[in-house]
Amino acid sequence: MTETNMPERALLVRHDEAERLDTMGVRLYADHTTTGGTMSANRTFLAPGVEGPPPHYHTTSAELFYVLDGKLRVLAGEEIVTVGDGDFLLIPPHMVHAWAAPADSSADVLIVFTPGIERFEYFRLGERIRRGEASPTEILDTQERFDNYFTDSQIWRHAQHHDNRPHLEGSQQRAQFLSSAVLQPQANPPAGALDEGAEDGEKS
């Protein structure tokens, strides 16, 4: 649920003060509790060819993608678009979406949800999964809490993995979700995952 009490002061999060989730390539900037429910925001870095979360949708929030550097391939409903430096993409509530960096480019992306939904604990759970400290099934068990509802996208599977199976449901969709690369344990963060962001912060 979102918070409705508006903050009384401006929210400033310095680049070096943002919480880093190294195996996820994520910096956490603002959650629904710190913005009075108006927004949630994070910065995500994907190395070339790395995928984000499996196809999913949100019931209450729109999701904004602003590409700071590189390219991002995004499933937006029934189409796939590629966005690059300075491009803005807004995914409305209930639209199935997923994203990945193309094979020939990394992606550095600012992601904003409005109204805000609980993101910090969602990403921290993802980090624990990547470190082998939690089970991917916990993501499925918390879909309602985090307003992240996972589903299948034949279009995305075909585009990313040349998988031509028809729409997956039930146990097949669950198995596909649990096999997602983003949910597999990873001992080390992706090469350069948050270093580029640190360099940007030093330049600003």
N, C-alpha and C. Protein backbone atom coordinates (compact mmCIF):
# COMPACT_ATOMS: atom_id res chain seq x y z
N MET A 1 0.84 -1.20 0.00
CA MET A 1 0.00 0.00 0.00
C MET A 1 0.87 1.25 0.00
N THR A 2 0.36 2.35 -0.55
CA THR A 2 1.11 3.59 -0.57
C THR A 2 0.81 4.42 0.66
N GLU A 3 1.78 5.27 1.01
CA GLU A 3 1.59 6.19 2.13
C GLU A 3 0.94 7.47 1.60
N THR A 4 0.05 8.08 2.41
CA THR A 4 -0.67 9.26 1.94
C THR A 4 -0.20 10.54 2.62
N ASN A 5 0.62 10.44 3.69
CA ASN A 5 1.09 11.63 4.38
C ASN A 5 2.23 12.26 3.59
N MET A 6 2.05 13.50 3.15
CA MET A 6 3.07 14.17 2.37
C MET A 6 4.26 14.54 3.26
N PRO A 7 5.49 14.38 2.75
CA PRO A 7 6.65 14.77 3.54
C PRO A 7 6.66 16.28 3.75
N GLU A 8 7.19 16.71 4.90
CA GLU A 8 7.21 18.13 5.21
C GLU A 8 8.46 18.81 4.70
N ARG A 9 9.47 18.02 4.32
CA ARG A 9 10.72 18.59 3.83
C ARG A 9 11.06 18.00 2.48
N ALA A 10 11.89 18.71 1.73
CA ALA A 10 12.38 18.17 0.46
C ALA A 10 13.21 16.92 0.73
N LEU A 11 13.15 15.98 -0.17
CA LEU A 11 13.92 14.75 -0.04
C LEU A 11 15.16 14.85 -0.94
N LEU A 12 16.32 14.81 -0.33
CA LEU A 12 17.58 14.84 -1.06
C LEU A 12 18.36 13.58 -0.75
N VAL A 13 18.70 12.81 -1.78
CA VAL A 13 19.51 11.61 -1.62
C VAL A 13 20.76 11.78 -2.48
N ARG A 14 21.89 11.94 -1.82
CA ARG A 14 23.14 12.07 -2.54
C ARG A 14 23.51 10.74 -3.19
N HIS A 15 24.17 10.84 -4.35
CA HIS A 15 24.55 9.64 -5.09
C HIS A 15 25.29 8.64 -4.21
N ASP A 16 26.28 9.11 -3.44
CA ASP A 16 27.09 8.22 -2.64
C ASP A 16 26.36 7.70 -1.40
N GLU A 17 25.21 8.30 -1.08
CA GLU A 17 24.46 7.87 0.09
C GLU A 17 23.37 6.86 -0.25
N ALA A 18 23.07 6.71 -1.52
CA ALA A 18 22.02 5.77 -1.93
C ALA A 18 22.46 4.33 -1.63
N GLU A 19 21.53 3.56 -1.10
CA GLU A 19 21.84 2.16 -0.80
C GLU A 19 22.14 1.39 -2.08
N ARG A 20 23.24 0.63 -2.08
CA ARG A 20 23.65 -0.15 -3.24
C ARG A 20 23.31 -1.62 -3.04
N LEU A 21 22.74 -2.21 -4.05
CA LEU A 21 22.51 -3.66 -4.08
C LEU A 21 23.36 -4.19 -5.23
N ASP A 22 24.56 -4.65 -4.90
CA ASP A 22 25.57 -4.90 -5.92
C ASP A 22 25.23 -6.01 -6.89
N THR A 23 24.67 -7.12 -6.42
CA THR A 23 24.38 -8.20 -7.37
C THR A 23 23.20 -7.87 -8.27
N MET A 24 22.37 -6.92 -7.83
CA MET A 24 21.23 -6.49 -8.64
C MET A 24 21.59 -5.35 -9.58
N GLY A 25 22.71 -4.68 -9.31
CA GLY A 25 23.06 -3.50 -10.10
C GLY A 25 22.11 -2.35 -9.85
N VAL A 26 21.66 -2.19 -8.59
CA VAL A 26 20.61 -1.22 -8.28
C VAL A 26 21.07 -0.26 -7.18
N ARG A 27 20.71 1.00 -7.33
CA ARG A 27 20.81 1.99 -6.26
C ARG A 27 19.39 2.42 -5.88
N LEU A 28 19.13 2.44 -4.58
CA LEU A 28 17.80 2.79 -4.08
C LEU A 28 17.79 4.26 -3.68
N TYR A 29 16.87 5.04 -4.27
CA TYR A 29 16.82 6.48 -4.00
C TYR A 29 15.62 6.89 -3.16
N ALA A 30 14.43 6.42 -3.52
CA ALA A 30 13.24 6.87 -2.79
C ALA A 30 12.21 5.75 -2.77
N ASP A 31 11.61 5.55 -1.60
CA ASP A 31 10.54 4.56 -1.48
C ASP A 31 9.24 5.27 -1.14
N HIS A 32 8.14 4.52 -1.18
CA HIS A 32 6.84 5.14 -0.94
C HIS A 32 6.75 5.79 0.43
N THR A 33 7.49 5.26 1.41
CA THR A 33 7.43 5.79 2.77
C THR A 33 8.16 7.11 2.92
N THR A 34 9.11 7.40 2.02
CA THR A 34 9.87 8.65 2.13
C THR A 34 9.33 9.75 1.22
N THR A 35 8.35 9.42 0.40
CA THR A 35 7.78 10.42 -0.52
C THR A 35 6.29 10.67 -0.29
N GLY A 36 5.78 10.17 0.82
CA GLY A 36 4.35 10.34 1.06
C GLY A 36 3.50 9.56 0.08
N GLY A 37 4.08 8.53 -0.51
CA GLY A 37 3.35 7.71 -1.45
C GLY A 37 3.29 8.27 -2.86
N THR A 38 3.95 9.40 -3.11
CA THR A 38 3.85 10.01 -4.44
C THR A 38 4.66 9.27 -5.49
N MET A 39 5.80 8.66 -5.08
CA MET A 39 6.65 7.98 -6.05
C MET A 39 7.63 7.06 -5.35
N SER A 40 8.23 6.18 -6.12
CA SER A 40 9.37 5.37 -5.70
C SER A 40 10.38 5.46 -6.84
N ALA A 41 11.68 5.44 -6.51
CA ALA A 41 12.67 5.63 -7.55
C ALA A 41 13.94 4.83 -7.27
N ASN A 42 14.50 4.28 -8.33
CA ASN A 42 15.78 3.59 -8.23
C ASN A 42 16.54 3.76 -9.54
N ARG A 43 17.82 3.49 -9.49
CA ARG A 43 18.66 3.52 -10.68
C ARG A 43 19.21 2.12 -10.89
N THR A 44 19.09 1.63 -12.12
CA THR A 44 19.47 0.25 -12.42
C THR A 44 20.50 0.21 -13.54
N PHE A 45 21.53 -0.59 -13.35
CA PHE A 45 22.53 -0.81 -14.39
C PHE A 45 22.48 -2.27 -14.82
N LEU A 46 22.39 -2.50 -16.14
CA LEU A 46 22.43 -3.84 -16.70
C LEU A 46 23.62 -3.93 -17.66
N ALA A 47 24.45 -4.93 -17.48
CA ALA A 47 25.54 -5.17 -18.42
C ALA A 47 24.97 -5.69 -19.73
N PRO A 48 25.72 -5.63 -20.82
CA PRO A 48 25.20 -6.11 -22.11
C PRO A 48 24.64 -7.53 -22.03
N GLY A 49 23.43 -7.70 -22.55
CA GLY A 49 22.80 -9.01 -22.59
C GLY A 49 22.12 -9.45 -21.32
N VAL A 50 22.19 -8.65 -20.26
CA VAL A 50 21.59 -9.02 -18.98
C VAL A 50 20.11 -8.65 -18.95
N GLU A 51 19.30 -9.57 -18.44
CA GLU A 51 17.85 -9.34 -18.36
C GLU A 51 17.45 -8.81 -16.99
N GLY A 52 16.39 -8.03 -16.99
CA GLY A 52 15.76 -7.60 -15.76
C GLY A 52 14.75 -8.65 -15.32
N PRO A 53 13.69 -8.26 -14.63
CA PRO A 53 12.72 -9.23 -14.13
C PRO A 53 11.89 -9.85 -15.25
N PRO A 54 11.30 -11.03 -14.99
CA PRO A 54 10.41 -11.66 -15.97
C PRO A 54 9.17 -10.79 -16.21
N PRO A 55 8.41 -11.06 -17.25
CA PRO A 55 7.21 -10.26 -17.54
C PRO A 55 6.27 -10.16 -16.33
N HIS A 56 5.78 -8.96 -16.09
CA HIS A 56 4.92 -8.70 -14.94
C HIS A 56 4.13 -7.42 -15.18
N TYR A 57 3.23 -7.13 -14.25
CA TYR A 57 2.47 -5.88 -14.33
C TYR A 57 2.19 -5.38 -12.92
N HIS A 58 1.83 -4.11 -12.83
CA HIS A 58 1.45 -3.49 -11.57
C HIS A 58 0.01 -3.01 -11.69
N THR A 59 -0.74 -3.12 -10.61
CA THR A 59 -2.16 -2.75 -10.68
C THR A 59 -2.41 -1.30 -10.29
N THR A 60 -1.50 -0.68 -9.57
CA THR A 60 -1.77 0.66 -9.06
C THR A 60 -0.85 1.73 -9.62
N SER A 61 0.33 1.38 -10.09
CA SER A 61 1.32 2.38 -10.46
C SER A 61 1.73 2.32 -11.93
N ALA A 62 2.02 3.49 -12.47
CA ALA A 62 2.70 3.58 -13.76
C ALA A 62 4.20 3.51 -13.49
N GLU A 63 4.95 3.01 -14.47
CA GLU A 63 6.40 2.87 -14.31
C GLU A 63 7.10 3.63 -15.42
N LEU A 64 7.97 4.54 -15.00
CA LEU A 64 8.69 5.41 -15.93
C LEU A 64 10.12 4.93 -16.09
N PHE A 65 10.57 4.83 -17.33
CA PHE A 65 11.96 4.50 -17.63
C PHE A 65 12.61 5.69 -18.33
N TYR A 66 13.71 6.18 -17.76
CA TYR A 66 14.48 7.23 -18.41
C TYR A 66 15.91 6.72 -18.57
N VAL A 67 16.36 6.59 -19.82
CA VAL A 67 17.67 6.00 -20.08
C VAL A 67 18.75 7.06 -19.94
N LEU A 68 19.63 6.84 -18.97
CA LEU A 68 20.73 7.75 -18.72
C LEU A 68 21.89 7.48 -19.67
N ASP A 69 22.08 6.20 -19.99
CA ASP A 69 23.18 5.83 -20.88
C ASP A 69 22.91 4.43 -21.44
N GLY A 70 23.32 4.21 -22.68
CA GLY A 70 23.17 2.88 -23.28
C GLY A 70 21.82 2.68 -23.94
N LYS A 71 21.41 1.42 -23.99
CA LYS A 71 20.14 1.06 -24.60
C LYS A 71 19.41 0.05 -23.73
N LEU A 72 18.09 0.08 -23.81
CA LEU A 72 17.26 -0.86 -23.06
C LEU A 72 16.18 -1.39 -23.99
N ARG A 73 16.03 -2.68 -24.00
CA ARG A 73 14.98 -3.34 -24.78
C ARG A 73 13.82 -3.64 -23.84
N VAL A 74 12.64 -3.17 -24.19
CA VAL A 74 11.50 -3.23 -23.27
C VAL A 74 10.29 -3.89 -23.92
N LEU A 75 9.72 -4.85 -23.23
CA LEU A 75 8.40 -5.38 -23.59
C LEU A 75 7.37 -4.42 -23.04
N ALA A 76 6.51 -3.88 -23.91
CA ALA A 76 5.45 -2.96 -23.50
C ALA A 76 4.14 -3.50 -24.06
N GLY A 77 3.49 -4.35 -23.29
CA GLY A 77 2.26 -4.97 -23.76
C GLY A 77 2.53 -5.98 -24.84
N GLU A 78 2.08 -5.69 -26.05
CA GLU A 78 2.23 -6.62 -27.18
C GLU A 78 3.33 -6.19 -28.15
N GLU A 79 4.15 -5.23 -27.75
CA GLU A 79 5.25 -4.81 -28.62
C GLU A 79 6.55 -4.72 -27.83
N ILE A 80 7.65 -4.74 -28.55
CA ILE A 80 8.97 -4.59 -27.96
C ILE A 80 9.62 -3.36 -28.56
N VAL A 81 10.07 -2.46 -27.70
CA VAL A 81 10.70 -1.23 -28.17
C VAL A 81 12.11 -1.15 -27.60
N THR A 82 12.99 -0.45 -28.30
CA THR A 82 14.33 -0.19 -27.80
C THR A 82 14.46 1.29 -27.52
N VAL A 83 14.87 1.62 -26.31
CA VAL A 83 15.02 3.02 -25.92
C VAL A 83 16.50 3.29 -25.63
N GLY A 84 16.95 4.50 -25.96
CA GLY A 84 18.35 4.85 -25.79
C GLY A 84 18.53 6.13 -25.01
N ASP A 85 19.75 6.65 -25.03
CA ASP A 85 20.12 7.84 -24.24
C ASP A 85 19.07 8.94 -24.34
N GLY A 86 18.57 9.37 -23.19
CA GLY A 86 17.63 10.48 -23.15
C GLY A 86 16.19 10.11 -23.47
N ASP A 87 15.93 8.85 -23.82
CA ASP A 87 14.56 8.44 -24.13
C ASP A 87 13.74 8.22 -22.86
N PHE A 88 12.45 8.49 -22.99
CA PHE A 88 11.49 8.39 -21.89
C PHE A 88 10.41 7.38 -22.29
N LEU A 89 10.12 6.43 -21.42
CA LEU A 89 9.06 5.45 -21.68
C LEU A 89 8.21 5.31 -20.45
N LEU A 90 6.90 5.39 -20.60
CA LEU A 90 5.97 5.24 -19.49
C LEU A 90 5.10 4.01 -19.72
N ILE A 91 5.11 3.09 -18.76
CA ILE A 91 4.28 1.88 -18.79
C ILE A 91 3.09 2.10 -17.87
N PRO A 92 1.87 2.08 -18.39
CA PRO A 92 0.71 2.33 -17.52
C PRO A 92 0.39 1.11 -16.65
N PRO A 93 -0.42 1.30 -15.60
CA PRO A 93 -0.83 0.17 -14.78
C PRO A 93 -1.48 -0.93 -15.63
N HIS A 94 -1.28 -2.16 -15.23
CA HIS A 94 -1.85 -3.36 -15.84
C HIS A 94 -1.19 -3.76 -17.17
N MET A 95 -0.26 -2.98 -17.67
CA MET A 95 0.43 -3.37 -18.90
C MET A 95 1.57 -4.33 -18.57
N VAL A 96 1.59 -5.48 -19.21
CA VAL A 96 2.67 -6.45 -19.00
C VAL A 96 3.96 -5.89 -19.60
N HIS A 97 5.04 -5.97 -18.83
CA HIS A 97 6.31 -5.44 -19.30
C HIS A 97 7.48 -6.23 -18.73
N ALA A 98 8.59 -6.11 -19.39
CA ALA A 98 9.86 -6.71 -18.97
C ALA A 98 10.94 -5.94 -19.69
N TRP A 99 12.18 -6.12 -19.28
CA TRP A 99 13.24 -5.38 -19.96
C TRP A 99 14.58 -6.11 -19.85
N ALA A 100 15.48 -5.73 -20.77
CA ALA A 100 16.81 -6.33 -20.81
C ALA A 100 17.74 -5.40 -21.58
N ALA A 101 19.02 -5.48 -21.27
CA ALA A 101 20.00 -4.77 -22.08
C ALA A 101 20.28 -5.61 -23.32
N PRO A 102 20.33 -5.01 -24.50
CA PRO A 102 20.66 -5.79 -25.71
C PRO A 102 22.09 -6.31 -25.62
N ALA A 103 22.40 -7.26 -26.49
CA ALA A 103 23.72 -7.91 -26.44
C ALA A 103 24.86 -6.95 -26.71
N ASP A 104 24.57 -5.86 -27.44
CA ASP A 104 25.64 -4.95 -27.84
C ASP A 104 25.72 -3.67 -27.01
N SER A 105 24.97 -3.61 -25.90
CA SER A 105 24.99 -2.38 -25.12
C SER A 105 24.58 -2.62 -23.68
N SER A 106 25.21 -1.90 -22.78
CA SER A 106 24.75 -1.88 -21.39
C SER A 106 23.59 -0.89 -21.29
N ALA A 107 22.97 -0.83 -20.11
CA ALA A 107 21.87 0.11 -19.89
C ALA A 107 21.97 0.68 -18.49
N ASP A 108 21.91 2.00 -18.39
CA ASP A 108 21.90 2.71 -17.12
C ASP A 108 20.59 3.49 -17.11
N VAL A 109 19.68 3.12 -16.20
CA VAL A 109 18.30 3.59 -16.30
C VAL A 109 17.77 4.10 -14.96
N LEU A 110 17.12 5.25 -14.99
CA LEU A 110 16.37 5.74 -13.85
C LEU A 110 14.95 5.20 -13.97
N ILE A 111 14.45 4.55 -12.91
CA ILE A 111 13.12 3.95 -12.93
C ILE A 111 12.29 4.58 -11.80
N VAL A 112 11.12 5.09 -12.16
CA VAL A 112 10.26 5.77 -11.20
C VAL A 112 8.86 5.17 -11.26
N PHE A 113 8.28 4.92 -10.10
CA PHE A 113 6.90 4.45 -9.99
C PHE A 113 6.05 5.58 -9.42
N THR A 114 4.88 5.80 -10.03
CA THR A 114 3.95 6.80 -9.50
C THR A 114 2.51 6.32 -9.66
N PRO A 115 1.71 6.33 -8.59
CA PRO A 115 2.12 6.62 -7.22
C PRO A 115 3.12 5.59 -6.71
N GLY A 116 3.79 5.92 -5.60
CA GLY A 116 4.83 5.04 -5.08
C GLY A 116 4.28 3.73 -4.55
N ILE A 117 5.06 2.67 -4.75
CA ILE A 117 4.78 1.36 -4.16
C ILE A 117 6.04 0.87 -3.47
N GLU A 118 5.88 -0.12 -2.62
CA GLU A 118 7.01 -0.60 -1.83
C GLU A 118 8.04 -1.26 -2.74
N ARG A 119 9.21 -0.63 -2.88
CA ARG A 119 10.27 -1.14 -3.75
C ARG A 119 11.53 -1.56 -2.99
N PHE A 120 11.87 -0.85 -1.92
CA PHE A 120 13.14 -1.14 -1.27
C PHE A 120 13.20 -2.59 -0.79
N GLU A 121 12.17 -3.05 -0.10
CA GLU A 121 12.19 -4.43 0.41
C GLU A 121 12.09 -5.45 -0.72
N TYR A 122 11.42 -5.07 -1.80
CA TYR A 122 11.35 -5.95 -2.97
C TYR A 122 12.75 -6.16 -3.54
N PHE A 123 13.50 -5.08 -3.73
CA PHE A 123 14.84 -5.20 -4.28
C PHE A 123 15.79 -5.88 -3.29
N ARG A 124 15.62 -5.62 -2.00
CA ARG A 124 16.45 -6.29 -1.01
C ARG A 124 16.21 -7.79 -1.02
N LEU A 125 14.95 -8.19 -1.22
CA LEU A 125 14.66 -9.62 -1.35
C LEU A 125 15.35 -10.18 -2.58
N GLY A 126 15.29 -9.45 -3.69
CA GLY A 126 16.00 -9.89 -4.89
C GLY A 126 17.49 -10.04 -4.65
N GLU A 127 18.06 -9.12 -3.89
CA GLU A 127 19.49 -9.20 -3.57
C GLU A 127 19.80 -10.45 -2.75
N ARG A 128 18.94 -10.76 -1.77
CA ARG A 128 19.16 -11.97 -0.96
C ARG A 128 19.06 -13.22 -1.82
N ILE A 129 18.14 -13.22 -2.77
CA ILE A 129 18.02 -14.36 -3.68
C ILE A 129 19.28 -14.51 -4.51
N ARG A 130 19.79 -13.41 -5.02
CA ARG A 130 21.00 -13.44 -5.84
C ARG A 130 22.21 -13.90 -5.03
N ARG A 131 22.18 -13.67 -3.73
CA ARG A 131 23.28 -14.09 -2.87
C ARG A 131 23.08 -15.50 -2.33
N GLY A 132 21.98 -16.14 -2.71
CA GLY A 132 21.70 -17.49 -2.24
C GLY A 132 21.18 -17.55 -0.83
N GLU A 133 20.66 -16.42 -0.32
CA GLU A 133 20.20 -16.34 1.06
C GLU A 133 18.68 -16.43 1.18
N ALA A 134 17.98 -16.50 0.05
CA ALA A 134 16.52 -16.59 0.03
C ALA A 134 16.11 -17.37 -1.21
N SER A 135 14.87 -17.84 -1.21
CA SER A 135 14.36 -18.64 -2.33
C SER A 135 13.57 -17.78 -3.31
N PRO A 136 13.71 -18.05 -4.61
CA PRO A 136 12.91 -17.31 -5.60
C PRO A 136 11.40 -17.43 -5.37
N THR A 137 10.97 -18.50 -4.70
CA THR A 137 9.54 -18.65 -4.43
C THR A 137 9.00 -17.52 -3.55
N GLU A 138 9.90 -16.87 -2.79
CA GLU A 138 9.45 -15.77 -1.94
C GLU A 138 8.95 -14.59 -2.77
N ILE A 139 9.49 -14.45 -3.97
CA ILE A 139 8.99 -13.40 -4.87
C ILE A 139 7.54 -13.69 -5.26
N LEU A 140 7.25 -14.95 -5.56
CA LEU A 140 5.88 -15.31 -5.92
C LEU A 140 4.94 -15.15 -4.73
N ASP A 141 5.44 -15.42 -3.53
CA ASP A 141 4.60 -15.34 -2.33
C ASP A 141 4.29 -13.90 -1.93
N THR A 142 5.02 -12.93 -2.49
CA THR A 142 4.84 -11.53 -2.09
C THR A 142 4.34 -10.66 -3.24
N GLN A 143 3.72 -11.28 -4.23
CA GLN A 143 3.25 -10.51 -5.39
C GLN A 143 2.26 -9.42 -5.00
N GLU A 144 1.33 -9.76 -4.11
CA GLU A 144 0.33 -8.77 -3.70
C GLU A 144 0.97 -7.65 -2.87
N ARG A 145 1.86 -8.00 -1.95
CA ARG A 145 2.51 -6.99 -1.11
C ARG A 145 3.25 -5.96 -1.96
N PHE A 146 4.00 -6.43 -2.97
CA PHE A 146 4.82 -5.52 -3.76
C PHE A 146 4.14 -5.07 -5.06
N ASP A 147 2.89 -5.47 -5.26
CA ASP A 147 2.16 -5.12 -6.48
C ASP A 147 2.97 -5.47 -7.72
N ASN A 148 3.54 -6.66 -7.70
CA ASN A 148 4.31 -7.21 -8.83
C ASN A 148 3.67 -8.54 -9.19
N TYR A 149 2.90 -8.56 -10.26
CA TYR A 149 2.19 -9.78 -10.64
C TYR A 149 2.84 -10.36 -11.90
N PHE A 150 3.42 -11.53 -11.75
CA PHE A 150 4.19 -12.14 -12.83
C PHE A 150 3.29 -12.98 -13.73
N THR A 151 3.58 -12.91 -15.02
CA THR A 151 2.79 -13.63 -16.00
C THR A 151 3.70 -14.07 -17.14
N ASP A 152 3.14 -14.72 -18.13
CA ASP A 152 3.94 -15.16 -19.27
C ASP A 152 3.75 -14.21 -20.44
N SER A 153 4.78 -14.09 -21.25
CA SER A 153 4.69 -13.33 -22.50
C SER A 153 5.37 -14.15 -23.59
N GLN A 154 4.57 -14.70 -24.47
CA GLN A 154 5.11 -15.48 -25.58
C GLN A 154 6.00 -14.61 -26.47
N ILE A 155 5.58 -13.36 -26.67
CA ILE A 155 6.35 -12.44 -27.49
C ILE A 155 7.76 -12.24 -26.92
N TRP A 156 7.84 -12.02 -25.61
CA TRP A 156 9.13 -11.78 -24.96
C TRP A 156 9.99 -13.04 -24.96
N ARG A 157 9.39 -14.18 -24.67
CA ARG A 157 10.16 -15.44 -24.68
C ARG A 157 10.76 -15.70 -26.06
N HIS A 158 9.97 -15.47 -27.08
CA HIS A 158 10.47 -15.71 -28.43
C HIS A 158 11.59 -14.73 -28.77
N ALA A 159 11.40 -13.47 -28.41
CA ALA A 159 12.39 -12.45 -28.75
C ALA A 159 13.70 -12.65 -28.00
N GLN A 160 13.60 -13.06 -26.75
CA GLN A 160 14.81 -13.18 -25.92
C GLN A 160 15.48 -14.55 -26.01
N HIS A 161 14.68 -15.60 -26.19
CA HIS A 161 15.23 -16.95 -26.09
C HIS A 161 14.81 -17.87 -27.24
N HIS A 162 14.17 -17.32 -28.24
CA HIS A 162 13.70 -18.11 -29.38
C HIS A 162 12.83 -19.28 -28.92
N ASP A 163 12.03 -19.02 -27.90
CA ASP A 163 11.13 -20.01 -27.32
C ASP A 163 9.76 -19.84 -27.96
N ASN A 164 9.34 -20.83 -28.74
CA ASN A 164 8.08 -20.72 -29.49
C ASN A 164 6.91 -21.45 -28.85
N ARG A 165 7.06 -21.85 -27.61
CA ARG A 165 5.93 -22.52 -26.96
C ARG A 165 4.74 -21.56 -26.83
N PRO A 166 3.52 -22.09 -26.86
CA PRO A 166 2.34 -21.23 -26.67
C PRO A 166 2.32 -20.66 -25.26
N HIS A 167 1.34 -19.82 -25.00
CA HIS A 167 1.22 -19.15 -23.70
C HIS A 167 1.29 -20.16 -22.56
N LEU A 168 2.13 -19.85 -21.57
CA LEU A 168 2.34 -20.76 -20.43
C LEU A 168 1.46 -20.34 -19.26
N GLU A 169 0.88 -21.33 -18.61
CA GLU A 169 0.06 -21.09 -17.43
C GLU A 169 0.40 -22.12 -16.36
N GLY A 170 -0.08 -21.88 -15.15
CA GLY A 170 0.05 -22.85 -14.08
C GLY A 170 1.49 -23.25 -13.79
N SER A 171 1.72 -24.55 -13.69
CA SER A 171 3.04 -25.07 -13.32
C SER A 171 4.10 -24.74 -14.36
N GLN A 172 3.72 -24.67 -15.63
CA GLN A 172 4.69 -24.34 -16.66
C GLN A 172 5.16 -22.89 -16.52
N GLN A 173 4.21 -21.99 -16.27
CA GLN A 173 4.59 -20.59 -16.10
C GLN A 173 5.43 -20.41 -14.84
N ARG A 174 5.10 -21.13 -13.79
CA ARG A 174 5.86 -21.06 -12.54
C ARG A 174 7.30 -21.54 -12.75
N ALA A 175 7.44 -22.66 -13.46
CA ALA A 175 8.77 -23.20 -13.74
C ALA A 175 9.58 -22.23 -14.59
N GLN A 176 8.94 -21.60 -15.57
CA GLN A 176 9.62 -20.62 -16.41
C GLN A 176 10.09 -19.44 -15.57
N PHE A 177 9.23 -18.98 -14.68
CA PHE A 177 9.59 -17.87 -13.81
C PHE A 177 10.78 -18.21 -12.93
N LEU A 178 10.75 -19.36 -12.30
CA LEU A 178 11.80 -19.75 -11.36
C LEU A 178 13.14 -20.00 -12.05
N SER A 179 13.10 -20.22 -13.36
CA SER A 179 14.35 -20.45 -14.10
C SER A 179 14.96 -19.15 -14.61
N SER A 180 14.29 -18.02 -14.37
CA SER A 180 14.77 -16.74 -14.88
C SER A 180 16.18 -16.45 -14.38
N ALA A 181 17.01 -15.92 -15.26
CA ALA A 181 18.41 -15.65 -14.92
C ALA A 181 18.54 -14.69 -13.75
N VAL A 182 17.64 -13.72 -13.65
CA VAL A 182 17.75 -12.72 -12.60
C VAL A 182 17.53 -13.32 -11.21
N LEU A 183 16.94 -14.50 -11.14
CA LEU A 183 16.66 -15.14 -9.86
C LEU A 183 17.69 -16.20 -9.48
N GLN A 184 18.74 -16.33 -10.26
CA GLN A 184 19.75 -17.33 -9.96
C GLN A 184 20.85 -16.73 -9.08
N PRO A 185 21.36 -17.52 -8.13
CA PRO A 185 22.43 -17.00 -7.25
C PRO A 185 23.62 -16.53 -8.05
N GLN A 186 24.20 -15.44 -7.60
CA GLN A 186 25.35 -14.87 -8.28
C GLN A 186 26.32 -14.38 -7.22
N ALA A 187 27.51 -14.96 -7.22
CA ALA A 187 28.49 -14.65 -6.18
C ALA A 187 29.03 -13.23 -6.32
N ASN A 188 29.22 -12.77 -7.56
CA ASN A 188 29.83 -11.47 -7.78
C ASN A 188 28.89 -10.58 -8.58
N PRO A 189 28.92 -9.27 -8.34
CA PRO A 189 28.08 -8.37 -9.13
C PRO A 189 28.54 -8.33 -10.58
N PRO A 190 27.65 -7.99 -11.51
CA PRO A 190 28.03 -7.87 -12.91
C PRO A 190 29.18 -6.89 -13.07
N ALA A 191 30.08 -7.17 -14.00
CA ALA A 191 31.23 -6.31 -14.21
C ALA A 191 30.79 -4.87 -14.48
N GLY A 192 31.31 -3.95 -13.66
CA GLY A 192 30.99 -2.53 -13.85
C GLY A 192 29.59 -2.15 -13.44
N ALA A 193 28.89 -3.04 -12.74
CA ALA A 193 27.46 -2.81 -12.49
C ALA A 193 27.17 -1.45 -11.89
N LEU A 194 27.88 -1.07 -10.83
CA LEU A 194 27.60 0.21 -10.20
C LEU A 194 28.78 1.17 -10.30
N ASP A 195 29.86 0.72 -10.90
CA ASP A 195 31.04 1.58 -11.01
C ASP A 195 30.78 2.76 -11.93
N GLU A 196 30.03 2.52 -13.03
CA GLU A 196 29.76 3.62 -13.96
C GLU A 196 28.95 4.71 -13.27
N GLY A 197 27.99 4.28 -12.43
CA GLY A 197 27.21 5.25 -11.70
C GLY A 197 28.07 6.06 -10.75
N ALA A 198 29.07 5.39 -10.14
CA ALA A 198 29.96 6.09 -9.23
C ALA A 198 30.77 7.13 -9.98
N GLU A 199 31.23 6.78 -11.20
CA GLU A 199 31.98 7.73 -12.00
C GLU A 199 31.11 8.93 -12.37
N ASP A 200 29.84 8.67 -12.70
CA ASP A 200 28.94 9.76 -13.03
C ASP A 200 28.78 10.70 -11.84
N GLY A 201 28.66 10.08 -10.63
CA GLY A 201 28.49 10.88 -9.43
C GLY A 201 29.70 11.76 -9.18
N GLU A 202 30.91 11.26 -9.47
CA GLU A 202 32.12 12.04 -9.26
C GLU A 202 32.19 13.21 -10.22
N LYS A 203 31.61 13.03 -11.43
CA LYS A 203 31.67 14.10 -12.42
C LYS A 203 30.67 15.20 -12.13
N SER A 204 29.58 14.86 -11.44
CA SER A 204 28.51 15.83 -11.24
C SER A 204 28.83 16.80 -10.10
